[in-house]
Amino acid sequence: MILNLLRGLAMALAIGCAVVMVRMGEPSSFWWWPWSIFLYLWNISPVALGVISAGKVRREPFTLMMMAYLLVSALAVWICIEAVAGDMFASIIFLFLPVVEWGALIVLIMIASRIGWFGAK
C-alpha cells in the first residue's frame, strides 16, 4: 500500500513538472519541444530511480524515506518557482534542481545499502 502511495506521489510530481514546464515555456515554438522534453526527462529521472529502488527494496522504512524525498523535491520545485515568479529565467531551476535531487538520492541509496536493505527482502 505504501509503495502504491509512493508511485502515485511520483506520478503527481511528474504531471506537475510537465504542467509547470508548459506554463513557463513557449509551446507554440517548434524548437521549444526538443529542449523541454530533454529537461522533463532530466527532472523526472531521479524520481523514477527512487520509485524503482523502493520497489526493489520492499522495506517500509526505505519506502517512507523515498516518499519524504519526493515530498521535499516537490516542495523545492514549488518554492523555487514561486520565489522567481515572473522572472524570465525562472525555468533555469529545471536545469539545476535535479543535480541536488541526484545527490540526495545517491546518499539515500548508499544508506540503504550500508544498512543491508538491498540484500534481503
PDB file of N, CA and C in Angstrom:
ATOM      1  N   MET A   1       0.819  -1.188   0.000  1.00  0.00           N
ATOM      2  CA  MET A   1       0.000   0.000   0.000  1.00  0.00           C
ATOM      3  C   MET A   1       0.869   1.261   0.000  1.00  0.00           C
ATOM      4  N   ILE A   2       1.924   1.259   0.800  1.00  0.00           N
ATOM      5  CA  ILE A   2       2.782   2.438   0.849  1.00  0.00           C
ATOM      6  C   ILE A   2       3.509   2.609  -0.477  1.00  0.00           C
ATOM      7  N   LEU A   3       3.872   1.497  -1.116  1.00  0.00           N
ATOM      8  CA  LEU A   3       4.540   1.578  -2.413  1.00  0.00           C
ATOM      9  C   LEU A   3       3.600   2.169  -3.469  1.00  0.00           C
ATOM     10  N   ASN A   4       2.322   1.828  -3.410  1.00  0.00           N
ATOM     11  CA  ASN A   4       1.353   2.410  -4.333  1.00  0.00           C
ATOM     12  C   ASN A   4       1.197   3.911  -4.089  1.00  0.00           C
ATOM     13  N   LEU A   5       1.238   4.307  -2.824  1.00  0.00           N
ATOM     14  CA  LEU A   5       1.183   5.725  -2.492  1.00  0.00           C
ATOM     15  C   LEU A   5       2.417   6.447  -3.033  1.00  0.00           C
ATOM     16  N   LEU A   6       3.563   5.801  -2.939  1.00  0.00           N
ATOM     17  CA  LEU A   6       4.800   6.364  -3.477  1.00  0.00           C
ATOM     18  C   LEU A   6       4.704   6.519  -4.989  1.00  0.00           C
ATOM     19  N   ARG A   7       4.177   5.526  -5.654  1.00  0.00           N
ATOM     20  CA  ARG A   7       4.012   5.613  -7.108  1.00  0.00           C
ATOM     21  C   ARG A   7       3.047   6.730  -7.493  1.00  0.00           C
ATOM     22  N   GLY A   8       1.976   6.868  -6.740  1.00  0.00           N
ATOM     23  CA  GLY A   8       1.025   7.951  -7.002  1.00  0.00           C
ATOM     24  C   GLY A   8       1.639   9.324  -6.790  1.00  0.00           C
ATOM     25  N   LEU A   9       2.453   9.452  -5.743  1.00  0.00           N
ATOM     26  CA  LEU A   9       3.134  10.708  -5.479  1.00  0.00           C
ATOM     27  C   LEU A   9       4.136  11.030  -6.587  1.00  0.00           C
ATOM     28  N   ALA A  10       4.845  10.024  -7.058  1.00  0.00           N
ATOM     29  CA  ALA A  10       5.796  10.228  -8.155  1.00  0.00           C
ATOM     30  C   ALA A  10       5.065  10.632  -9.431  1.00  0.00           C
ATOM     31  N   MET A  11       3.923  10.029  -9.682  1.00  0.00           N
ATOM     32  CA  MET A  11       3.134  10.382 -10.862  1.00  0.00           C
ATOM     33  C   MET A  11       2.621  11.823 -10.758  1.00  0.00           C
ATOM     34  N   ALA A  12       2.186  12.216  -9.568  1.00  0.00           N
ATOM     35  CA  ALA A  12       1.724  13.591  -9.374  1.00  0.00           C
ATOM     36  C   ALA A  12       2.865  14.585  -9.583  1.00  0.00           C
ATOM     37  N   LEU A  13       4.056  14.237  -9.113  1.00  0.00           N
ATOM     38  CA  LEU A  13       5.216  15.107  -9.308  1.00  0.00           C
ATOM     39  C   LEU A  13       5.574  15.199 -10.788  1.00  0.00           C
ATOM     40  N   ALA A  14       5.478  14.095 -11.500  1.00  0.00           N
ATOM     41  CA  ALA A  14       5.787  14.095 -12.938  1.00  0.00           C
ATOM     42  C   ALA A  14       4.786  14.954 -13.712  1.00  0.00           C
ATOM     43  N   ILE A  15       3.517  14.826 -13.391  1.00  0.00           N
ATOM     44  CA  ILE A  15       2.488  15.621 -14.067  1.00  0.00           C
ATOM     45  C   ILE A  15       2.634  17.090 -13.713  1.00  0.00           C
ATOM     46  N   GLY A  16       2.892  17.369 -12.434  1.00  0.00           N
ATOM     47  CA  GLY A  16       3.075  18.753 -12.014  1.00  0.00           C
ATOM     48  C   GLY A  16       4.262  19.401 -12.698  1.00  0.00           C
ATOM     49  N   CYS A  17       5.340  18.658 -12.845  1.00  0.00           N
ATOM     50  CA  CYS A  17       6.525  19.165 -13.528  1.00  0.00           C
ATOM     51  C   CYS A  17       6.201  19.488 -14.990  1.00  0.00           C
ATOM     52  N   ALA A  18       5.458  18.623 -15.641  1.00  0.00           N
ATOM     53  CA  ALA A  18       5.091  18.856 -17.041  1.00  0.00           C
ATOM     54  C   ALA A  18       4.213  20.094 -17.177  1.00  0.00           C
ATOM     55  N   VAL A  19       3.251  20.243 -16.266  1.00  0.00           N
ATOM     56  CA  VAL A  19       2.354  21.403 -16.326  1.00  0.00           C
ATOM     57  C   VAL A  19       3.134  22.699 -16.120  1.00  0.00           C
ATOM     58  N   VAL A  20       4.025  22.710 -15.138  1.00  0.00           N
ATOM     59  CA  VAL A  20       4.812  23.918 -14.874  1.00  0.00           C
ATOM     60  C   VAL A  20       5.720  24.239 -16.048  1.00  0.00           C
ATOM     61  N   MET A  21       6.310  23.231 -16.654  1.00  0.00           N
ATOM     62  CA  MET A  21       7.191  23.481 -17.795  1.00  0.00           C
ATOM     63  C   MET A  21       6.419  24.056 -18.973  1.00  0.00           C
ATOM     64  N   VAL A  22       5.212  23.571 -19.204  1.00  0.00           N
ATOM     65  CA  VAL A  22       4.412  24.100 -20.319  1.00  0.00           C
ATOM     66  C   VAL A  22       3.970  25.528 -20.011  1.00  0.00           C
ATOM     67  N   ARG A  23       3.604  25.786 -18.754  1.00  0.00           N
ATOM     68  CA  ARG A  23       3.180  27.153 -18.397  1.00  0.00           C
ATOM     69  C   ARG A  23       4.324  28.153 -18.485  1.00  0.00           C
ATOM     70  N   MET A  24       5.540  27.730 -18.161  1.00  0.00           N
ATOM     71  CA  MET A  24       6.677  28.642 -18.169  1.00  0.00           C
ATOM     72  C   MET A  24       7.309  28.776 -19.551  1.00  0.00           C
ATOM     73  N   GLY A  25       7.064  27.832 -20.413  1.00  0.00           N
ATOM     74  CA  GLY A  25       7.735  27.816 -21.710  1.00  0.00           C
ATOM     75  C   GLY A  25       6.928  28.443 -22.814  1.00  0.00           C
ATOM     76  N   GLU A  26       7.374  28.174 -24.009  1.00  0.00           N
ATOM     77  CA  GLU A  26       6.715  28.660 -25.214  1.00  0.00           C
ATOM     78  C   GLU A  26       6.367  27.465 -26.101  1.00  0.00           C
ATOM     79  N   PRO A  27       5.291  26.750 -25.774  1.00  0.00           N
ATOM     80  CA  PRO A  27       4.988  25.533 -26.550  1.00  0.00           C
ATOM     81  C   PRO A  27       4.576  25.804 -27.989  1.00  0.00           C
ATOM     82  N   SER A  28       4.332  27.046 -28.354  1.00  0.00           N
ATOM     83  CA  SER A  28       3.983  27.328 -29.742  1.00  0.00           C
ATOM     84  C   SER A  28       5.207  27.294 -30.655  1.00  0.00           C
ATOM     85  N   SER A  29       6.383  27.418 -30.081  1.00  0.00           N
ATOM     86  CA  SER A  29       7.613  27.355 -30.861  1.00  0.00           C
ATOM     87  C   SER A  29       8.008  25.892 -31.088  1.00  0.00           C
ATOM     88  N   PHE A  30       8.403  25.583 -32.302  1.00  0.00           N
ATOM     89  CA  PHE A  30       8.770  24.208 -32.633  1.00  0.00           C
ATOM     90  C   PHE A  30      10.023  23.767 -31.890  1.00  0.00           C
ATOM     91  N   TRP A  31      11.021  24.633 -31.805  1.00  0.00           N
ATOM     92  CA  TRP A  31      12.291  24.263 -31.196  1.00  0.00           C
ATOM     93  C   TRP A  31      12.220  24.193 -29.687  1.00  0.00           C
ATOM     94  N   TRP A  32      11.125  24.623 -29.096  1.00  0.00           N
ATOM     95  CA  TRP A  32      10.963  24.528 -27.651  1.00  0.00           C
ATOM     96  C   TRP A  32      10.752  23.071 -27.230  1.00  0.00           C
ATOM     97  N   TRP A  33      10.084  22.293 -28.039  1.00  0.00           N
ATOM     98  CA  TRP A  33       9.720  20.917 -27.669  1.00  0.00           C
ATOM     99  C   TRP A  33      10.910  19.991 -27.447  1.00  0.00           C
ATOM    100  N   PRO A  34      11.915  19.917 -28.325  1.00  0.00           N
ATOM    101  CA  PRO A  34      13.045  19.006 -28.035  1.00  0.00           C
ATOM    102  C   PRO A  34      13.774  19.377 -26.746  1.00  0.00           C
ATOM    103  N   TRP A  35      13.984  20.652 -26.514  1.00  0.00           N
ATOM    104  CA  TRP A  35      14.674  21.093 -25.305  1.00  0.00           C
ATOM    105  C   TRP A  35      13.836  20.782 -24.065  1.00  0.00           C
ATOM    106  N   SER A  36      12.542  21.010 -24.136  1.00  0.00           N
ATOM    107  CA  SER A  36      11.689  20.768 -22.961  1.00  0.00           C
ATOM    108  C   SER A  36      11.541  19.278 -22.672  1.00  0.00           C
ATOM    109  N   ILE A  37      11.539  18.448 -23.693  1.00  0.00           N
ATOM    110  CA  ILE A  37      11.467  17.001 -23.456  1.00  0.00           C
ATOM    111  C   ILE A  37      12.747  16.522 -22.766  1.00  0.00           C
ATOM    112  N   PHE A  38      13.897  17.048 -23.185  1.00  0.00           N
ATOM    113  CA  PHE A  38      15.152  16.723 -22.517  1.00  0.00           C
ATOM    114  C   PHE A  38      15.107  17.166 -21.052  1.00  0.00           C
ATOM    115  N   LEU A  39      14.663  18.385 -20.795  1.00  0.00           N
ATOM    116  CA  LEU A  39      14.584  18.880 -19.419  1.00  0.00           C
ATOM    117  C   LEU A  39      13.590  18.081 -18.587  1.00  0.00           C
ATOM    118  N   TYR A  40      12.483  17.690 -19.197  1.00  0.00           N
ATOM    119  CA  TYR A  40      11.480  16.905 -18.480  1.00  0.00           C
ATOM    120  C   TYR A  40      12.064  15.553 -18.068  1.00  0.00           C
ATOM    121  N   LEU A  41      12.735  14.880 -18.977  1.00  0.00           N
ATOM    122  CA  LEU A  41      13.345  13.584 -18.648  1.00  0.00           C
ATOM    123  C   LEU A  41      14.445  13.748 -17.613  1.00  0.00           C
ATOM    124  N   TRP A  42      15.206  14.821 -17.683  1.00  0.00           N
ATOM    125  CA  TRP A  42      16.253  15.109 -16.713  1.00  0.00           C
ATOM    126  C   TRP A  42      15.656  15.327 -15.326  1.00  0.00           C
ATOM    127  N   ASN A  43      14.494  15.977 -15.255  1.00  0.00           N
ATOM    128  CA  ASN A  43      13.853  16.251 -13.970  1.00  0.00           C
ATOM    129  C   ASN A  43      13.152  15.038 -13.396  1.00  0.00           C
ATOM    130  N   ILE A  44      12.670  14.166 -14.227  1.00  0.00           N
ATOM    131  CA  ILE A  44      11.916  13.011 -13.752  1.00  0.00           C
ATOM    132  C   ILE A  44      12.821  11.816 -13.463  1.00  0.00           C
ATOM    133  N   SER A  45      14.023  11.790 -13.998  1.00  0.00           N
ATOM    134  CA  SER A  45      14.888  10.621 -13.815  1.00  0.00           C
ATOM    135  C   SER A  45      15.223  10.318 -12.351  1.00  0.00           C
ATOM    136  N   PRO A  46      15.531  11.284 -11.464  1.00  0.00           N
ATOM    137  CA  PRO A  46      15.778  10.893 -10.071  1.00  0.00           C
ATOM    138  C   PRO A  46      14.530  10.351  -9.386  1.00  0.00           C
ATOM    139  N   VAL A  47      13.383  10.898  -9.748  1.00  0.00           N
ATOM    140  CA  VAL A  47      12.128  10.420  -9.166  1.00  0.00           C
ATOM    141  C   VAL A  47      11.861   8.986  -9.610  1.00  0.00           C
ATOM    142  N   ALA A  48      12.071   8.711 -10.887  1.00  0.00           N
ATOM    143  CA  ALA A  48      11.850   7.356 -11.405  1.00  0.00           C
ATOM    144  C   ALA A  48      12.796   6.353 -10.757  1.00  0.00           C
ATOM    145  N   LEU A  49      14.054   6.729 -10.595  1.00  0.00           N
ATOM    146  CA  LEU A  49      15.002   5.816  -9.954  1.00  0.00           C
ATOM    147  C   LEU A  49      14.638   5.583  -8.488  1.00  0.00           C
ATOM    148  N   GLY A  50      14.140   6.607  -7.818  1.00  0.00           N
ATOM    149  CA  GLY A  50      13.696   6.445  -6.430  1.00  0.00           C
ATOM    150  C   GLY A  50      12.539   5.467  -6.309  1.00  0.00           C
ATOM    151  N   VAL A  51      11.585   5.550  -7.222  1.00  0.00           N
ATOM    152  CA  VAL A  51      10.446   4.622  -7.196  1.00  0.00           C
ATOM    153  C   VAL A  51      10.898   3.206  -7.543  1.00  0.00           C
ATOM    154  N   ILE A  52      11.791   3.069  -8.507  1.00  0.00           N
ATOM    155  CA  ILE A  52      12.296   1.742  -8.881  1.00  0.00           C
ATOM    156  C   ILE A  52      13.068   1.117  -7.730  1.00  0.00           C
ATOM    157  N   SER A  53      13.923   1.897  -7.086  1.00  0.00           N
ATOM    158  CA  SER A  53      14.689   1.342  -5.967  1.00  0.00           C
ATOM    159  C   SER A  53      13.795   1.020  -4.780  1.00  0.00           C
ATOM    160  N   ALA A  54      12.753   1.797  -4.561  1.00  0.00           N
ATOM    161  CA  ALA A  54      11.812   1.476  -3.487  1.00  0.00           C
ATOM    162  C   ALA A  54      11.063   0.185  -3.788  1.00  0.00           C
ATOM    163  N   GLY A  55      10.802  -0.092  -5.071  1.00  0.00           N
ATOM    164  CA  GLY A  55      10.174  -1.352  -5.441  1.00  0.00           C
ATOM    165  C   GLY A  55      11.096  -2.540  -5.275  1.00  0.00           C
ATOM    166  N   LYS A  56      12.392  -2.328  -5.438  1.00  0.00           N
ATOM    167  CA  LYS A  56      13.358  -3.411  -5.267  1.00  0.00           C
ATOM    168  C   LYS A  56      13.608  -3.740  -3.803  1.00  0.00           C
ATOM    169  N   VAL A  57      13.612  -2.729  -2.963  1.00  0.00           N
ATOM    170  CA  VAL A  57      13.924  -2.951  -1.555  1.00  0.00           C
ATOM    171  C   VAL A  57      12.751  -3.558  -0.817  1.00  0.00           C
ATOM    172  N   ARG A  58      11.556  -3.030  -1.029  1.00  0.00           N
ATOM    173  CA  ARG A  58      10.332  -3.508  -0.400  1.00  0.00           C
ATOM    174  C   ARG A  58      10.420  -3.522   1.131  1.00  0.00           C
ATOM    175  N   ARG A  59      11.005  -2.497   1.667  1.00  0.00           N
ATOM    176  CA  ARG A  59      11.046  -2.294   3.104  1.00  0.00           C
ATOM    177  C   ARG A  59      10.340  -0.990   3.395  1.00  0.00           C
ATOM    178  N   GLU A  60       9.468  -0.989   4.373  1.00  0.00           N
ATOM    179  CA  GLU A  60       8.703   0.219   4.669  1.00  0.00           C
ATOM    180  C   GLU A  60       9.568   1.415   5.050  1.00  0.00           C
ATOM    181  N   PRO A  61      10.622   1.270   5.848  1.00  0.00           N
ATOM    182  CA  PRO A  61      11.420   2.473   6.162  1.00  0.00           C
ATOM    183  C   PRO A  61      12.023   3.119   4.924  1.00  0.00           C
ATOM    184  N   PHE A  62      12.512   2.295   3.986  1.00  0.00           N
ATOM    185  CA  PHE A  62      13.097   2.859   2.775  1.00  0.00           C
ATOM    186  C   PHE A  62      12.026   3.505   1.910  1.00  0.00           C
ATOM    187  N   THR A  63      10.863   2.895   1.821  1.00  0.00           N
ATOM    188  CA  THR A  63       9.773   3.477   1.048  1.00  0.00           C
ATOM    189  C   THR A  63       9.334   4.800   1.660  1.00  0.00           C
ATOM    190  N   LEU A  64       9.286   4.869   2.973  1.00  0.00           N
ATOM    191  CA  LEU A  64       8.943   6.129   3.626  1.00  0.00           C
ATOM    192  C   LEU A  64      10.024   7.179   3.387  1.00  0.00           C
ATOM    193  N   MET A  65      11.294   6.763   3.360  1.00  0.00           N
ATOM    194  CA  MET A  65      12.366   7.704   3.038  1.00  0.00           C
ATOM    195  C   MET A  65      12.207   8.223   1.614  1.00  0.00           C
ATOM    196  N   MET A  66      11.808   7.363   0.691  1.00  0.00           N
ATOM    197  CA  MET A  66      11.603   7.793  -0.685  1.00  0.00           C
ATOM    198  C   MET A  66      10.406   8.736  -0.789  1.00  0.00           C
ATOM    199  N   MET A  67       9.365   8.495  -0.013  1.00  0.00           N
ATOM    200  CA  MET A  67       8.219   9.403  -0.017  1.00  0.00           C
ATOM    201  C   MET A  67       8.629  10.773   0.507  1.00  0.00           C
ATOM    202  N   ALA A  68       9.412  10.791   1.572  1.00  0.00           N
ATOM    203  CA  ALA A  68       9.902  12.068   2.097  1.00  0.00           C
ATOM    204  C   ALA A  68      10.776  12.762   1.056  1.00  0.00           C
ATOM    205  N   TYR A  69      11.585  11.989   0.347  1.00  0.00           N
ATOM    206  CA  TYR A  69      12.433  12.539  -0.708  1.00  0.00           C
ATOM    207  C   TYR A  69      11.578  13.187  -1.799  1.00  0.00           C
ATOM    208  N   LEU A  70      10.512  12.518  -2.215  1.00  0.00           N
ATOM    209  CA  LEU A  70       9.650  13.076  -3.252  1.00  0.00           C
ATOM    210  C   LEU A  70       8.919  14.318  -2.760  1.00  0.00           C
ATOM    211  N   LEU A  71       8.472  14.309  -1.523  1.00  0.00           N
ATOM    212  CA  LEU A  71       7.796  15.488  -0.981  1.00  0.00           C
ATOM    213  C   LEU A  71       8.746  16.680  -0.904  1.00  0.00           C
ATOM    214  N   VAL A  72       9.957  16.438  -0.473  1.00  0.00           N
ATOM    215  CA  VAL A  72      10.933  17.533  -0.403  1.00  0.00           C
ATOM    216  C   VAL A  72      11.277  18.016  -1.809  1.00  0.00           C
ATOM    217  N   SER A  73      11.370  17.111  -2.767  1.00  0.00           N
ATOM    218  CA  SER A  73      11.645  17.513  -4.149  1.00  0.00           C
ATOM    219  C   SER A  73      10.511  18.369  -4.703  1.00  0.00           C
ATOM    220  N   ALA A  74       9.288  17.945  -4.466  1.00  0.00           N
ATOM    221  CA  ALA A  74       8.145  18.720  -4.940  1.00  0.00           C
ATOM    222  C   ALA A  74       8.084  20.085  -4.255  1.00  0.00           C
ATOM    223  N   LEU A  75       8.350  20.109  -2.971  1.00  0.00           N
ATOM    224  CA  LEU A  75       8.348  21.368  -2.242  1.00  0.00           C
ATOM    225  C   LEU A  75       9.467  22.288  -2.738  1.00  0.00           C
ATOM    226  N   ALA A  76      10.632  21.737  -3.022  1.00  0.00           N
ATOM    227  CA  ALA A  76      11.749  22.539  -3.523  1.00  0.00           C
ATOM    228  C   ALA A  76      11.421  23.151  -4.880  1.00  0.00           C
ATOM    229  N   VAL A  77      10.814  22.371  -5.762  1.00  0.00           N
ATOM    230  CA  VAL A  77      10.419  22.902  -7.066  1.00  0.00           C
ATOM    231  C   VAL A  77       9.407  24.022  -6.886  1.00  0.00           C
ATOM    232  N   TRP A  78       8.427  23.815  -6.031  1.00  0.00           N
ATOM    233  CA  TRP A  78       7.387  24.826  -5.810  1.00  0.00           C
ATOM    234  C   TRP A  78       7.971  26.107  -5.224  1.00  0.00           C
ATOM    235  N   ILE A  79       8.828  25.977  -4.220  1.00  0.00           N
ATOM    236  CA  ILE A  79       9.429  27.157  -3.584  1.00  0.00           C
ATOM    237  C   ILE A  79      10.293  27.927  -4.579  1.00  0.00           C
ATOM    238  N   CYS A  80      11.095  27.211  -5.339  1.00  0.00           N
ATOM    239  CA  CYS A  80      11.968  27.888  -6.303  1.00  0.00           C
ATOM    240  C   CYS A  80      11.162  28.603  -7.377  1.00  0.00           C
ATOM    241  N   ILE A  81      10.112  28.001  -7.842  1.00  0.00           N
ATOM    242  CA  ILE A  81       9.306  28.628  -8.887  1.00  0.00           C
ATOM    243  C   ILE A  81       8.542  29.824  -8.328  1.00  0.00           C
ATOM    244  N   GLU A  82       8.004  29.704  -7.115  1.00  0.00           N
ATOM    245  CA  GLU A  82       7.310  30.829  -6.502  1.00  0.00           C
ATOM    246  C   GLU A  82       8.262  31.966  -6.169  1.00  0.00           C
ATOM    247  N   ALA A  83       9.491  31.639  -5.827  1.00  0.00           N
ATOM    248  CA  ALA A  83      10.464  32.672  -5.465  1.00  0.00           C
ATOM    249  C   ALA A  83      10.861  33.517  -6.668  1.00  0.00           C
ATOM    250  N   VAL A  84      10.867  32.920  -7.826  1.00  0.00           N
ATOM    251  CA  VAL A  84      11.286  33.648  -9.020  1.00  0.00           C
ATOM    252  C   VAL A  84      10.133  33.831  -9.999  1.00  0.00           C
ATOM    253  N   ALA A  85       8.901  33.855  -9.511  1.00  0.00           N
ATOM    254  CA  ALA A  85       7.730  34.004 -10.377  1.00  0.00           C
ATOM    255  C   ALA A  85       7.807  35.336 -11.124  1.00  0.00           C
ATOM    256  N   GLY A  86       7.525  35.283 -12.379  1.00  0.00           N
ATOM    257  CA  GLY A  86       7.556  36.477 -13.200  1.00  0.00           C
ATOM    258  C   GLY A  86       8.911  36.744 -13.828  1.00  0.00           C
ATOM    259  N   ASP A  87       9.932  36.091 -13.362  1.00  0.00           N
ATOM    260  CA  ASP A  87      11.263  36.271 -13.929  1.00  0.00           C
ATOM    261  C   ASP A  87      11.402  35.365 -15.149  1.00  0.00           C
ATOM    262  N   MET A  88      11.972  35.889 -16.200  1.00  0.00           N
ATOM    263  CA  MET A  88      12.076  35.082 -17.414  1.00  0.00           C
ATOM    264  C   MET A  88      13.092  33.950 -17.279  1.00  0.00           C
ATOM    265  N   PHE A  89      13.958  34.013 -16.266  1.00  0.00           N
ATOM    266  CA  PHE A  89      14.948  32.966 -16.066  1.00  0.00           C
ATOM    267  C   PHE A  89      14.514  31.953 -15.008  1.00  0.00           C
ATOM    268  N   ALA A  90      13.229  31.938 -14.682  1.00  0.00           N
ATOM    269  CA  ALA A  90      12.732  31.025 -13.656  1.00  0.00           C
ATOM    270  C   ALA A  90      12.866  29.568 -14.081  1.00  0.00           C
ATOM    271  N   SER A  91      12.824  29.318 -15.359  1.00  0.00           N
ATOM    272  CA  SER A  91      12.895  27.933 -15.825  1.00  0.00           C
ATOM    273  C   SER A  91      14.284  27.332 -15.672  1.00  0.00           C
ATOM    274  N   ILE A  92      15.278  28.137 -15.335  1.00  0.00           N
ATOM    275  CA  ILE A  92      16.633  27.596 -15.140  1.00  0.00           C
ATOM    276  C   ILE A  92      16.665  26.612 -13.972  1.00  0.00           C
ATOM    277  N   ILE A  93      15.676  26.700 -13.095  1.00  0.00           N
ATOM    278  CA  ILE A  93      15.612  25.783 -11.949  1.00  0.00           C
ATOM    279  C   ILE A  93      15.486  24.338 -12.436  1.00  0.00           C
ATOM    280  N   PHE A  94      14.857  24.135 -13.583  1.00  0.00           N
ATOM    281  CA  PHE A  94      14.705  22.787 -14.110  1.00  0.00           C
ATOM    282  C   PHE A  94      16.025  22.194 -14.570  1.00  0.00           C
ATOM    283  N   LEU A  95      17.031  23.021 -14.737  1.00  0.00           N
ATOM    284  CA  LEU A  95      18.333  22.530 -15.149  1.00  0.00           C
ATOM    285  C   LEU A  95      19.191  22.122 -13.957  1.00  0.00           C
ATOM    286  N   PHE A  96      19.091  22.865 -12.846  1.00  0.00           N
ATOM    287  CA  PHE A  96      19.997  22.647 -11.722  1.00  0.00           C
ATOM    288  C   PHE A  96      19.390  21.886 -10.547  1.00  0.00           C
ATOM    289  N   LEU A  97      18.102  21.887 -10.377  1.00  0.00           N
ATOM    290  CA  LEU A  97      17.489  21.186  -9.251  1.00  0.00           C
ATOM    291  C   LEU A  97      17.698  19.672  -9.300  1.00  0.00           C
ATOM    292  N   PRO A  98      17.662  19.017 -10.456  1.00  0.00           N
ATOM    293  CA  PRO A  98      17.921  17.574 -10.471  1.00  0.00           C
ATOM    294  C   PRO A  98      19.309  17.185  -9.979  1.00  0.00           C
ATOM    295  N   VAL A  99      20.271  18.085 -10.076  1.00  0.00           N
ATOM    296  CA  VAL A  99      21.609  17.782  -9.558  1.00  0.00           C
ATOM    297  C   VAL A  99      21.522  17.561  -8.046  1.00  0.00           C
ATOM    298  N   VAL A 100      20.774  18.425  -7.369  1.00  0.00           N
ATOM    299  CA  VAL A 100      20.582  18.275  -5.924  1.00  0.00           C
ATOM    300  C   VAL A 100      19.775  17.014  -5.622  1.00  0.00           C
ATOM    301  N   GLU A 101      18.747  16.748  -6.429  1.00  0.00           N
ATOM    302  CA  GLU A 101      17.942  15.547  -6.227  1.00  0.00           C
ATOM    303  C   GLU A 101      18.769  14.285  -6.418  1.00  0.00           C
ATOM    304  N   TRP A 102      19.637  14.262  -7.432  1.00  0.00           N
ATOM    305  CA  TRP A 102      20.512  13.105  -7.644  1.00  0.00           C
ATOM    306  C   TRP A 102      21.428  12.902  -6.457  1.00  0.00           C
ATOM    307  N   GLY A 103      21.973  13.994  -5.921  1.00  0.00           N
ATOM    308  CA  GLY A 103      22.849  13.885  -4.757  1.00  0.00           C
ATOM    309  C   GLY A 103      22.129  13.305  -3.557  1.00  0.00           C
ATOM    310  N   ALA A 104      20.918  13.788  -3.297  1.00  0.00           N
ATOM    311  CA  ALA A 104      20.142  13.269  -2.174  1.00  0.00           C
ATOM    312  C   ALA A 104      19.776  11.808  -2.384  1.00  0.00           C
ATOM    313  N   LEU A 105      19.423  11.449  -3.602  1.00  0.00           N
ATOM    314  CA  LEU A 105      19.058  10.065  -3.886  1.00  0.00           C
ATOM    315  C   LEU A 105      20.254   9.131  -3.736  1.00  0.00           C
ATOM    316  N   ILE A 106      21.412   9.563  -4.173  1.00  0.00           N
ATOM    317  CA  ILE A 106      22.609   8.736  -4.017  1.00  0.00           C
ATOM    318  C   ILE A 106      22.918   8.511  -2.546  1.00  0.00           C
ATOM    319  N   VAL A 107      22.776   9.552  -1.740  1.00  0.00           N
ATOM    320  CA  VAL A 107      23.020   9.404  -0.295  1.00  0.00           C
ATOM    321  C   VAL A 107      22.020   8.427   0.313  1.00  0.00           C
ATOM    322  N   LEU A 108      20.742   8.535  -0.047  1.00  0.00           N
ATOM    323  CA  LEU A 108      19.730   7.618   0.497  1.00  0.00           C
ATOM    324  C   LEU A 108      19.988   6.178   0.087  1.00  0.00           C
ATOM    325  N   ILE A 109      20.377   5.961  -1.153  1.00  0.00           N
ATOM    326  CA  ILE A 109      20.641   4.595  -1.617  1.00  0.00           C
ATOM    327  C   ILE A 109      21.897   4.046  -0.944  1.00  0.00           C
ATOM    328  N   MET A 110      22.898   4.898  -0.723  1.00  0.00           N
ATOM    329  CA  MET A 110      24.096   4.441  -0.018  1.00  0.00           C
ATOM    330  C   MET A 110      23.767   4.057   1.426  1.00  0.00           C
ATOM    331  N   ILE A 111      22.910   4.825   2.080  1.00  0.00           N
ATOM    332  CA  ILE A 111      22.498   4.489   3.449  1.00  0.00           C
ATOM    333  C   ILE A 111      21.757   3.158   3.456  1.00  0.00           C
ATOM    334  N   ALA A 112      20.854   2.977   2.511  1.00  0.00           N
ATOM    335  CA  ALA A 112      20.078   1.736   2.460  1.00  0.00           C
ATOM    336  C   ALA A 112      20.969   0.536   2.167  1.00  0.00           C
ATOM    337  N   SER A 113      21.949   0.699   1.302  1.00  0.00           N
ATOM    338  CA  SER A 113      22.828  -0.436   1.013  1.00  0.00           C
ATOM    339  C   SER A 113      23.756  -0.710   2.188  1.00  0.00           C
ATOM    340  N   ARG A 114      24.152   0.320   2.911  1.00  0.00           N
ATOM    341  CA  ARG A 114      25.020   0.126   4.087  1.00  0.00           C
ATOM    342  C   ARG A 114      24.277  -0.596   5.198  1.00  0.00           C
ATOM    343  N   ILE A 115      23.002  -0.278   5.358  1.00  0.00           N
ATOM    344  CA  ILE A 115      22.190  -0.939   6.382  1.00  0.00           C
ATOM    345  C   ILE A 115      21.910  -2.382   5.986  1.00  0.00           C
ATOM    346  N   GLY A 116      21.901  -2.659   4.701  1.00  0.00           N
ATOM    347  CA  GLY A 116      21.667  -4.020   4.232  1.00  0.00           C
ATOM    348  C   GLY A 116      20.250  -4.227   3.720  1.00  0.00           C
ATOM    349  N   TRP A 117      19.565  -3.149   3.392  1.00  0.00           N
ATOM    350  CA  TRP A 117      18.193  -3.286   2.912  1.00  0.00           C
ATOM    351  C   TRP A 117      18.112  -3.825   1.499  1.00  0.00           C
ATOM    352  N   PHE A 118      19.152  -3.688   0.725  1.00  0.00           N
ATOM    353  CA  PHE A 118      19.110  -4.204  -0.651  1.00  0.00           C
ATOM    354  C   PHE A 118      19.389  -5.699  -0.699  1.00  0.00           C
ATOM    355  N   GLY A 119      20.036  -6.225   0.312  1.00  0.00           N
ATOM    356  CA  GLY A 119      20.411  -7.635   0.291  1.00  0.00           C
ATOM    357  C   GLY A 119      19.246  -8.579   0.527  1.00  0.00           C
ATOM    358  N   ALA A 120      18.457  -8.345   1.558  1.00  0.00           N
ATOM    359  CA  ALA A 120      17.368  -9.247   1.905  1.00  0.00           C
ATOM    360  C   ALA A 120      16.047  -8.530   1.775  1.00  0.00           C
ATOM    361  N   LYS A 121      15.039  -9.303   1.404  1.00  0.00           N
ATOM    362  CA  LYS A 121      13.705  -8.712   1.244  1.00  0.00           C
ATOM    363  C   LYS A 121      12.789  -9.193   2.321  1.00  0.00           C
TER     364      LYS A 121
END
